[in-house]
Amino acid sequence: MDVTEWDDPGRIDDLEGGQRRVLAATDEMMLVHYALEAGAEGEPHAHEEATQATFVIEGVLELHGEYSRTVEAGDSYVVPAGTVHGVRALEPCRVIDAFAPPLESYTD
């Protein structure tokens, strides 16, 4: 078992309007934390091979793409592989995403 400390994650990426922190990954799955400012957007995209599960820790997100709705702290959702999806933070947000299998672009 591996433990990743908050101050020493696998990777940190500064994004326009936020930050992505790769917390832990194996060959089978990956755990990622996002901190997003109000107005930050994740453009519609699809992960062809990965299923994504998301838990909203704090804030409110607007989902768009194949599914459109608003989710808030305490809500979770699953995006099947190949499903077009995107988000916009309606207020400052913190979310956890799990990807199975891991996204190679986050481990390079």
N, C-alpha and C. Protein backbone atom coordinates (compact mmCIF):
# COMPACT_ATOMS: atom_id res chain seq x y z
N MET A 1 0.85 -1.18 0.00
CA MET A 1 0.00 0.00 0.00
C MET A 1 0.89 1.24 0.00
N ASP A 2 0.55 2.19 -0.84
CA ASP A 2 1.26 3.47 -0.88
C ASP A 2 0.40 4.56 -0.25
N VAL A 3 1.06 5.49 0.43
CA VAL A 3 0.38 6.66 1.00
C VAL A 3 0.98 7.89 0.35
N THR A 4 0.11 8.76 -0.16
CA THR A 4 0.56 10.03 -0.74
C THR A 4 0.19 11.14 0.22
N GLU A 5 1.16 11.93 0.61
CA GLU A 5 0.89 13.04 1.50
C GLU A 5 0.44 14.27 0.70
N TRP A 6 -0.44 15.07 1.30
CA TRP A 6 -0.98 16.25 0.62
C TRP A 6 0.13 17.15 0.09
N ASP A 7 1.18 17.35 0.88
CA ASP A 7 2.27 18.25 0.48
C ASP A 7 3.26 17.62 -0.49
N ASP A 8 3.09 16.35 -0.81
CA ASP A 8 4.00 15.66 -1.73
C ASP A 8 3.21 14.74 -2.66
N PRO A 9 2.29 15.33 -3.46
CA PRO A 9 1.47 14.51 -4.35
C PRO A 9 2.29 14.02 -5.54
N GLY A 10 1.69 13.14 -6.32
CA GLY A 10 2.35 12.64 -7.51
C GLY A 10 2.61 13.73 -8.54
N ARG A 11 1.73 14.73 -8.55
CA ARG A 11 1.86 15.80 -9.55
C ARG A 11 0.92 16.93 -9.18
N ILE A 12 1.33 18.18 -9.44
CA ILE A 12 0.48 19.35 -9.29
C ILE A 12 0.52 20.12 -10.61
N ASP A 13 -0.66 20.46 -11.13
CA ASP A 13 -0.77 21.25 -12.35
C ASP A 13 -1.59 22.49 -12.07
N ASP A 14 -1.04 23.66 -12.38
CA ASP A 14 -1.82 24.89 -12.30
C ASP A 14 -2.67 24.98 -13.56
N LEU A 15 -3.94 25.25 -13.38
CA LEU A 15 -4.89 25.36 -14.47
C LEU A 15 -5.41 26.78 -14.52
N GLU A 16 -5.99 27.16 -15.63
CA GLU A 16 -6.63 28.47 -15.68
C GLU A 16 -7.83 28.42 -14.75
N GLY A 17 -7.76 29.15 -13.65
CA GLY A 17 -8.85 29.16 -12.69
C GLY A 17 -8.80 28.06 -11.66
N GLY A 18 -7.64 27.44 -11.48
CA GLY A 18 -7.58 26.41 -10.45
C GLY A 18 -6.30 25.61 -10.44
N GLN A 19 -6.40 24.46 -9.77
CA GLN A 19 -5.24 23.59 -9.63
C GLN A 19 -5.70 22.13 -9.62
N ARG A 20 -4.88 21.27 -10.25
CA ARG A 20 -5.13 19.83 -10.25
C ARG A 20 -3.99 19.17 -9.48
N ARG A 21 -4.34 18.27 -8.59
CA ARG A 21 -3.34 17.58 -7.76
C ARG A 21 -3.59 16.07 -7.89
N VAL A 22 -2.66 15.35 -8.52
CA VAL A 22 -2.78 13.90 -8.63
C VAL A 22 -2.35 13.31 -7.28
N LEU A 23 -3.32 12.73 -6.59
CA LEU A 23 -3.08 12.25 -5.23
C LEU A 23 -2.47 10.86 -5.19
N ALA A 24 -3.00 9.97 -5.99
CA ALA A 24 -2.53 8.59 -5.95
C ALA A 24 -2.91 7.91 -7.26
N ALA A 25 -2.11 6.92 -7.66
CA ALA A 25 -2.42 6.19 -8.88
C ALA A 25 -1.79 4.81 -8.84
N THR A 26 -2.50 3.86 -9.42
CA THR A 26 -1.97 2.53 -9.68
C THR A 26 -2.18 2.28 -11.17
N ASP A 27 -1.89 1.09 -11.62
CA ASP A 27 -2.15 0.76 -13.02
C ASP A 27 -3.65 0.68 -13.31
N GLU A 28 -4.47 0.51 -12.26
CA GLU A 28 -5.90 0.32 -12.45
C GLU A 28 -6.75 1.57 -12.20
N MET A 29 -6.29 2.49 -11.33
CA MET A 29 -7.11 3.66 -11.02
C MET A 29 -6.26 4.84 -10.58
N MET A 30 -6.88 6.01 -10.53
CA MET A 30 -6.20 7.26 -10.17
C MET A 30 -7.16 8.13 -9.38
N LEU A 31 -6.62 8.83 -8.37
CA LEU A 31 -7.39 9.76 -7.55
C LEU A 31 -6.82 11.16 -7.72
N VAL A 32 -7.69 12.13 -8.06
CA VAL A 32 -7.25 13.49 -8.39
C VAL A 32 -8.12 14.51 -7.64
N HIS A 33 -7.48 15.54 -7.08
CA HIS A 33 -8.18 16.63 -6.39
C HIS A 33 -8.11 17.87 -7.27
N TYR A 34 -9.24 18.57 -7.40
CA TYR A 34 -9.29 19.84 -8.12
C TYR A 34 -9.74 20.93 -7.16
N ALA A 35 -9.08 22.06 -7.21
CA ALA A 35 -9.53 23.28 -6.53
C ALA A 35 -9.82 24.28 -7.64
N LEU A 36 -11.06 24.74 -7.74
CA LEU A 36 -11.48 25.60 -8.84
C LEU A 36 -12.03 26.91 -8.32
N GLU A 37 -11.66 28.00 -8.97
CA GLU A 37 -12.21 29.31 -8.66
C GLU A 37 -13.58 29.44 -9.32
N ALA A 38 -14.42 30.32 -8.80
CA ALA A 38 -15.70 30.59 -9.43
C ALA A 38 -15.47 31.01 -10.88
N GLY A 39 -16.23 30.44 -11.79
CA GLY A 39 -16.10 30.75 -13.21
C GLY A 39 -15.15 29.84 -13.97
N ALA A 40 -14.34 29.04 -13.27
CA ALA A 40 -13.42 28.12 -13.95
C ALA A 40 -14.22 27.10 -14.74
N GLU A 41 -13.70 26.75 -15.93
CA GLU A 41 -14.40 25.80 -16.78
C GLU A 41 -13.50 24.67 -17.22
N GLY A 42 -14.10 23.51 -17.29
CA GLY A 42 -13.48 22.36 -17.92
C GLY A 42 -14.27 22.13 -19.21
N GLU A 43 -13.64 22.40 -20.33
CA GLU A 43 -14.32 22.31 -21.63
C GLU A 43 -14.83 20.89 -21.89
N PRO A 44 -15.93 20.76 -22.64
CA PRO A 44 -16.46 19.44 -22.95
C PRO A 44 -15.39 18.55 -23.61
N HIS A 45 -15.31 17.33 -23.14
CA HIS A 45 -14.35 16.34 -23.64
C HIS A 45 -14.86 14.96 -23.25
N ALA A 46 -14.20 13.94 -23.71
CA ALA A 46 -14.54 12.56 -23.34
C ALA A 46 -13.26 11.80 -23.09
N HIS A 47 -13.32 10.86 -22.16
CA HIS A 47 -12.22 9.94 -21.92
C HIS A 47 -12.63 8.63 -22.58
N GLU A 48 -11.98 8.29 -23.67
CA GLU A 48 -12.42 7.15 -24.47
C GLU A 48 -12.37 5.82 -23.72
N GLU A 49 -11.42 5.66 -22.81
CA GLU A 49 -11.29 4.37 -22.14
C GLU A 49 -11.53 4.43 -20.64
N ALA A 50 -11.56 5.62 -20.05
CA ALA A 50 -11.66 5.72 -18.60
C ALA A 50 -13.07 6.12 -18.15
N THR A 51 -13.52 5.47 -17.09
CA THR A 51 -14.72 5.89 -16.38
C THR A 51 -14.27 6.87 -15.30
N GLN A 52 -15.05 7.93 -15.10
CA GLN A 52 -14.72 8.95 -14.11
C GLN A 52 -15.82 9.01 -13.07
N ALA A 53 -15.45 8.97 -11.80
CA ALA A 53 -16.40 9.17 -10.71
C ALA A 53 -15.96 10.43 -9.97
N THR A 54 -16.91 11.30 -9.65
CA THR A 54 -16.60 12.58 -9.03
C THR A 54 -17.42 12.77 -7.76
N PHE A 55 -16.77 13.32 -6.72
CA PHE A 55 -17.44 13.71 -5.48
C PHE A 55 -17.16 15.20 -5.27
N VAL A 56 -18.20 15.99 -5.08
CA VAL A 56 -18.07 17.43 -4.84
C VAL A 56 -17.91 17.64 -3.33
N ILE A 57 -16.72 18.07 -2.94
CA ILE A 57 -16.42 18.32 -1.53
C ILE A 57 -17.03 19.64 -1.08
N GLU A 58 -16.87 20.65 -1.93
CA GLU A 58 -17.26 22.02 -1.58
C GLU A 58 -17.64 22.76 -2.85
N GLY A 59 -18.68 23.59 -2.79
CA GLY A 59 -19.03 24.44 -3.91
C GLY A 59 -20.17 23.89 -4.76
N VAL A 60 -20.37 24.54 -5.92
CA VAL A 60 -21.44 24.19 -6.85
C VAL A 60 -20.86 24.15 -8.26
N LEU A 61 -21.13 23.05 -8.96
CA LEU A 61 -20.68 22.87 -10.35
C LEU A 61 -21.88 22.75 -11.27
N GLU A 62 -21.72 23.32 -12.46
CA GLU A 62 -22.70 23.13 -13.52
C GLU A 62 -22.11 22.12 -14.49
N LEU A 63 -22.79 21.00 -14.69
CA LEU A 63 -22.35 19.99 -15.64
C LEU A 63 -22.93 20.31 -17.01
N HIS A 64 -22.13 20.12 -18.05
CA HIS A 64 -22.64 20.27 -19.40
C HIS A 64 -21.99 19.23 -20.30
N GLY A 65 -22.56 19.06 -21.46
CA GLY A 65 -22.14 18.00 -22.38
C GLY A 65 -23.36 17.13 -22.63
N GLU A 66 -23.19 15.81 -22.58
CA GLU A 66 -24.33 14.91 -22.79
C GLU A 66 -25.34 14.99 -21.66
N TYR A 67 -24.91 15.40 -20.48
CA TYR A 67 -25.80 15.59 -19.33
C TYR A 67 -25.63 17.01 -18.84
N SER A 68 -26.73 17.67 -18.53
CA SER A 68 -26.68 19.04 -18.01
C SER A 68 -27.48 19.10 -16.72
N ARG A 69 -26.81 19.55 -15.67
CA ARG A 69 -27.49 19.78 -14.39
C ARG A 69 -26.50 20.44 -13.45
N THR A 70 -26.97 20.83 -12.30
CA THR A 70 -26.13 21.44 -11.28
C THR A 70 -25.93 20.44 -10.15
N VAL A 71 -24.68 20.37 -9.66
CA VAL A 71 -24.37 19.51 -8.51
C VAL A 71 -23.68 20.37 -7.47
N GLU A 72 -23.83 19.98 -6.20
CA GLU A 72 -23.26 20.78 -5.12
C GLU A 72 -22.59 19.88 -4.10
N ALA A 73 -21.98 20.52 -3.10
CA ALA A 73 -21.25 19.78 -2.07
C ALA A 73 -22.08 18.61 -1.57
N GLY A 74 -21.44 17.45 -1.52
CA GLY A 74 -22.10 16.22 -1.08
C GLY A 74 -22.62 15.37 -2.22
N ASP A 75 -22.75 15.95 -3.42
CA ASP A 75 -23.23 15.20 -4.58
C ASP A 75 -22.08 14.45 -5.24
N SER A 76 -22.41 13.39 -5.94
CA SER A 76 -21.42 12.65 -6.73
C SER A 76 -22.06 12.21 -8.03
N TYR A 77 -21.22 11.89 -9.00
CA TYR A 77 -21.71 11.41 -10.29
C TYR A 77 -20.65 10.55 -10.95
N VAL A 78 -21.09 9.72 -11.90
CA VAL A 78 -20.20 8.86 -12.66
C VAL A 78 -20.36 9.18 -14.14
N VAL A 79 -19.23 9.34 -14.83
CA VAL A 79 -19.22 9.62 -16.26
C VAL A 79 -18.68 8.38 -16.96
N PRO A 80 -19.51 7.64 -17.69
CA PRO A 80 -19.03 6.45 -18.38
C PRO A 80 -17.99 6.81 -19.45
N ALA A 81 -17.12 5.89 -19.74
CA ALA A 81 -16.12 6.08 -20.80
C ALA A 81 -16.82 6.50 -22.09
N GLY A 82 -16.22 7.45 -22.81
CA GLY A 82 -16.75 7.90 -24.09
C GLY A 82 -17.84 8.95 -24.00
N THR A 83 -18.25 9.35 -22.80
CA THR A 83 -19.32 10.33 -22.62
C THR A 83 -18.76 11.75 -22.61
N VAL A 84 -19.29 12.62 -23.45
CA VAL A 84 -18.85 14.01 -23.50
C VAL A 84 -19.37 14.73 -22.26
N HIS A 85 -18.45 15.40 -21.56
CA HIS A 85 -18.81 16.09 -20.33
C HIS A 85 -17.88 17.28 -20.11
N GLY A 86 -18.36 18.26 -19.37
CA GLY A 86 -17.58 19.43 -18.99
C GLY A 86 -18.20 20.03 -17.74
N VAL A 87 -17.50 20.98 -17.13
CA VAL A 87 -18.01 21.62 -15.91
C VAL A 87 -17.72 23.11 -15.93
N ARG A 88 -18.49 23.83 -15.13
CA ARG A 88 -18.21 25.23 -14.84
C ARG A 88 -18.48 25.43 -13.36
N ALA A 89 -17.50 25.99 -12.65
CA ALA A 89 -17.65 26.24 -11.23
C ALA A 89 -18.50 27.49 -11.04
N LEU A 90 -19.64 27.35 -10.39
CA LEU A 90 -20.52 28.49 -10.14
C LEU A 90 -20.07 29.26 -8.90
N GLU A 91 -19.25 28.63 -8.09
CA GLU A 91 -18.62 29.25 -6.93
C GLU A 91 -17.34 28.46 -6.68
N PRO A 92 -16.47 28.91 -5.80
CA PRO A 92 -15.25 28.14 -5.55
C PRO A 92 -15.59 26.69 -5.19
N CYS A 93 -14.86 25.77 -5.80
CA CYS A 93 -15.17 24.34 -5.63
C CYS A 93 -13.91 23.54 -5.30
N ARG A 94 -14.14 22.45 -4.60
CA ARG A 94 -13.13 21.42 -4.43
C ARG A 94 -13.81 20.10 -4.74
N VAL A 95 -13.20 19.31 -5.62
CA VAL A 95 -13.76 18.02 -6.01
C VAL A 95 -12.68 16.95 -6.03
N ILE A 96 -13.11 15.72 -5.88
CA ILE A 96 -12.24 14.56 -6.03
C ILE A 96 -12.76 13.77 -7.22
N ASP A 97 -11.86 13.45 -8.15
CA ASP A 97 -12.18 12.58 -9.28
C ASP A 97 -11.40 11.28 -9.14
N ALA A 98 -12.06 10.18 -9.48
CA ALA A 98 -11.39 8.90 -9.60
C ALA A 98 -11.52 8.47 -11.05
N PHE A 99 -10.44 8.01 -11.65
CA PHE A 99 -10.42 7.55 -13.03
C PHE A 99 -9.97 6.10 -13.07
N ALA A 100 -10.71 5.28 -13.82
CA ALA A 100 -10.31 3.89 -14.00
C ALA A 100 -10.51 3.51 -15.46
N PRO A 101 -9.44 3.17 -16.17
CA PRO A 101 -8.04 3.22 -15.75
C PRO A 101 -7.55 4.67 -15.66
N PRO A 102 -6.34 4.87 -15.11
CA PRO A 102 -5.78 6.22 -14.98
C PRO A 102 -5.66 6.92 -16.33
N LEU A 103 -5.69 8.25 -16.30
CA LEU A 103 -5.47 9.04 -17.51
C LEU A 103 -3.95 9.19 -17.73
N GLU A 104 -3.48 8.70 -18.84
CA GLU A 104 -2.04 8.78 -19.12
C GLU A 104 -1.56 10.21 -19.15
N SER A 105 -2.40 11.15 -19.62
CA SER A 105 -1.99 12.55 -19.71
C SER A 105 -1.72 13.16 -18.34
N TYR A 106 -2.24 12.56 -17.28
CA TYR A 106 -2.01 13.07 -15.92
C TYR A 106 -0.80 12.42 -15.27
N THR A 107 -0.24 11.41 -15.89
CA THR A 107 0.92 10.72 -15.30
C THR A 107 2.20 10.97 -16.05
N ASP A 108 2.13 11.65 -17.18
CA ASP A 108 3.34 11.91 -17.98
C ASP A 108 4.26 12.88 -17.28
